[in-house]
Amino acid sequence: MQSIDELPTLRLVTLRRLVRLTVPPIIFDQETPIGVVEDILAQLPDATAVLIDGSRIYQGTLRLHDLFACDRTSPVEQVMSLQTPVLLGEDDIDAAQAAMSSSETDRVLVIAPDGELLGVLTDRDLADRKRAA
């Protein structure tokens, strides 16, 4: 029987990532100019931006590399990823890898059953986990 520390759930991986003091997701309104988001993400290159609308409803995500060669005055909604998978923290690592692969993205949002955002896992996080195993 596995101990709680050995269970490969996204909640545990996300919490471990947060404990390692990695950059938490940064929330922006989808109308924010690309230049503003780019300037902030340039200081935190591993961060993922989570974009919301005026009602604070999730709309998409982006990372620094999504912004290269974009008009800095355009709103980030023009370049955000709409296909970021959303999984529960209790889902396993295989579910995250499958979701990233099927949606052709490098990130997955991890939420609690009540919809609270626990964090963002990236393909890099999962690769780091494999190397550590």
Protein backbone atom coordinates (compact mmCIF):
# COMPACT_ATOMS: atom_id res chain seq x y z
CA MET A 1 0.00 0.00 0.00
CA GLN A 2 1.32 3.45 -0.97
CA SER A 3 1.70 6.19 1.60
CA ILE A 4 0.01 9.53 0.97
CA ASP A 5 3.38 10.95 -0.16
CA GLU A 6 3.64 8.32 -2.90
CA LEU A 7 0.22 8.79 -4.44
CA PRO A 8 0.72 10.43 -7.85
CA THR A 9 -2.14 12.91 -7.68
CA LEU A 10 -2.03 16.33 -9.25
CA ARG A 11 -2.94 17.92 -5.91
CA LEU A 12 0.21 16.53 -4.30
CA VAL A 13 2.42 17.42 -7.25
CA THR A 14 0.95 20.93 -7.33
CA LEU A 15 1.42 21.36 -3.58
CA ARG A 16 5.00 20.09 -3.80
CA ARG A 17 5.61 22.58 -6.60
CA LEU A 18 4.28 25.41 -4.44
CA VAL A 19 6.38 24.28 -1.48
CA ARG A 20 9.47 24.45 -3.73
CA LEU A 21 8.62 28.15 -4.02
CA THR A 22 7.98 28.02 -7.72
CA VAL A 23 6.06 30.87 -9.26
CA PRO A 24 2.31 30.64 -8.68
CA PRO A 25 -0.02 31.52 -11.55
CA ILE A 26 -0.52 35.23 -12.10
CA ILE A 27 -4.07 36.43 -12.74
CA PHE A 28 -4.76 39.08 -15.41
CA ASP A 29 -7.88 40.47 -17.00
CA GLN A 30 -8.07 39.31 -20.61
CA GLU A 31 -8.20 42.97 -21.73
CA THR A 32 -4.72 43.69 -20.29
CA PRO A 33 -2.28 44.87 -22.98
CA ILE A 34 0.26 42.27 -24.08
CA GLY A 35 3.13 44.61 -23.15
CA VAL A 36 2.04 44.79 -19.51
CA VAL A 37 1.79 41.00 -19.21
CA GLU A 38 5.04 40.48 -21.11
CA ASP A 39 6.94 42.85 -18.80
CA ILE A 40 5.73 40.97 -15.71
CA LEU A 41 6.31 37.50 -17.17
CA ALA A 42 9.80 38.54 -18.33
CA GLN A 43 10.69 38.90 -14.64
CA LEU A 44 9.11 35.50 -13.87
CA PRO A 45 9.81 33.40 -16.98
CA ASP A 46 8.42 30.15 -15.50
CA ALA A 47 5.10 31.72 -14.55
CA THR A 48 1.80 31.02 -16.25
CA ALA A 49 -0.73 33.81 -16.67
CA VAL A 50 -4.34 32.84 -16.02
CA LEU A 51 -6.72 35.17 -17.84
CA ILE A 52 -10.17 36.08 -16.61
CA ASP A 53 -12.98 38.25 -17.91
CA GLY A 54 -14.74 41.14 -16.17
CA SER A 55 -16.87 38.66 -14.21
CA ARG A 56 -13.71 36.90 -12.96
CA ILE A 57 -14.48 33.81 -15.04
CA TYR A 58 -11.53 31.85 -16.41
CA GLN A 59 -10.96 32.48 -20.12
CA GLY A 60 -7.52 31.11 -20.98
CA THR A 61 -3.80 30.95 -20.17
CA LEU A 62 -0.52 32.05 -21.61
CA ARG A 63 3.19 31.92 -20.89
CA LEU A 64 6.01 34.24 -21.85
CA HIS A 65 6.89 32.31 -25.01
CA ASP A 66 3.31 32.83 -26.27
CA LEU A 67 3.94 36.58 -26.49
CA PHE A 68 6.98 36.78 -28.75
CA ALA A 69 6.50 38.97 -31.83
CA CYS A 70 3.09 40.24 -30.69
CA ASP A 71 1.77 43.79 -30.81
CA ARG A 72 2.40 45.03 -27.25
CA THR A 73 -0.71 47.23 -27.31
CA SER A 74 -3.15 44.43 -28.20
CA PRO A 75 -5.12 42.74 -25.41
CA VAL A 76 -3.78 39.37 -24.27
CA GLU A 77 -7.08 37.73 -25.20
CA GLN A 78 -5.80 37.79 -28.81
CA VAL A 79 -2.97 35.38 -28.02
CA MET A 80 -4.22 33.38 -25.01
CA SER A 81 -4.55 29.63 -25.17
CA LEU A 82 -8.18 28.57 -25.03
CA GLN A 83 -7.39 24.88 -24.90
CA THR A 84 -5.72 24.60 -21.50
CA PRO A 85 -7.09 21.46 -19.84
CA VAL A 86 -8.61 21.75 -16.38
CA LEU A 87 -8.27 18.74 -14.07
CA LEU A 88 -9.09 18.01 -10.46
CA GLY A 89 -6.28 17.81 -7.95
CA GLU A 90 -7.22 14.21 -7.25
CA ASP A 91 -6.56 13.18 -10.86
CA ASP A 92 -3.37 11.27 -11.46
CA ILE A 93 -0.24 12.27 -13.34
CA ASP A 94 -1.16 10.14 -16.33
CA ALA A 95 -4.36 12.17 -16.72
CA ALA A 96 -2.34 15.39 -16.85
CA GLN A 97 0.06 14.00 -19.42
CA ALA A 98 -2.81 12.69 -21.55
CA ALA A 99 -4.66 16.01 -21.31
CA MET A 100 -1.57 17.98 -22.36
CA SER A 101 -0.94 15.62 -25.23
CA SER A 102 -4.52 15.59 -26.54
CA SER A 103 -4.89 19.37 -26.30
CA GLU A 104 -1.39 20.00 -27.68
CA THR A 105 -0.53 22.35 -24.83
CA ASP A 106 2.28 22.46 -22.28
CA ARG A 107 0.15 23.20 -19.21
CA VAL A 108 -2.85 22.05 -17.21
CA LEU A 109 -4.86 23.96 -14.59
CA VAL A 110 -5.35 22.03 -11.35
CA ILE A 111 -8.48 22.81 -9.36
CA ALA A 112 -10.13 21.64 -6.15
CA PRO A 113 -13.61 20.06 -6.32
CA ASP A 114 -15.11 23.45 -5.35
CA GLY A 115 -13.40 25.10 -8.35
CA GLU A 116 -10.58 26.79 -6.40
CA LEU A 117 -7.45 27.11 -8.51
CA LEU A 118 -4.71 25.06 -6.84
CA GLY A 119 -2.10 25.87 -9.45
CA VAL A 120 -0.76 25.23 -12.90
CA LEU A 121 1.35 22.24 -13.86
CA THR A 122 3.55 22.42 -16.92
CA ASP A 123 5.27 19.80 -19.01
CA ARG A 124 8.48 20.97 -17.35
CA ASP A 125 7.08 20.15 -13.88
CA LEU A 126 6.22 16.65 -15.01
CA ALA A 127 9.64 16.19 -16.62
CA ASP A 128 11.32 17.38 -13.39
CA ARG A 129 9.23 14.86 -11.46
CA LYS A 130 10.33 12.01 -13.75
CA ARG A 131 13.99 12.97 -13.34
CA ALA A 132 13.62 13.05 -9.56
CA ALA A 133 11.98 9.59 -9.47
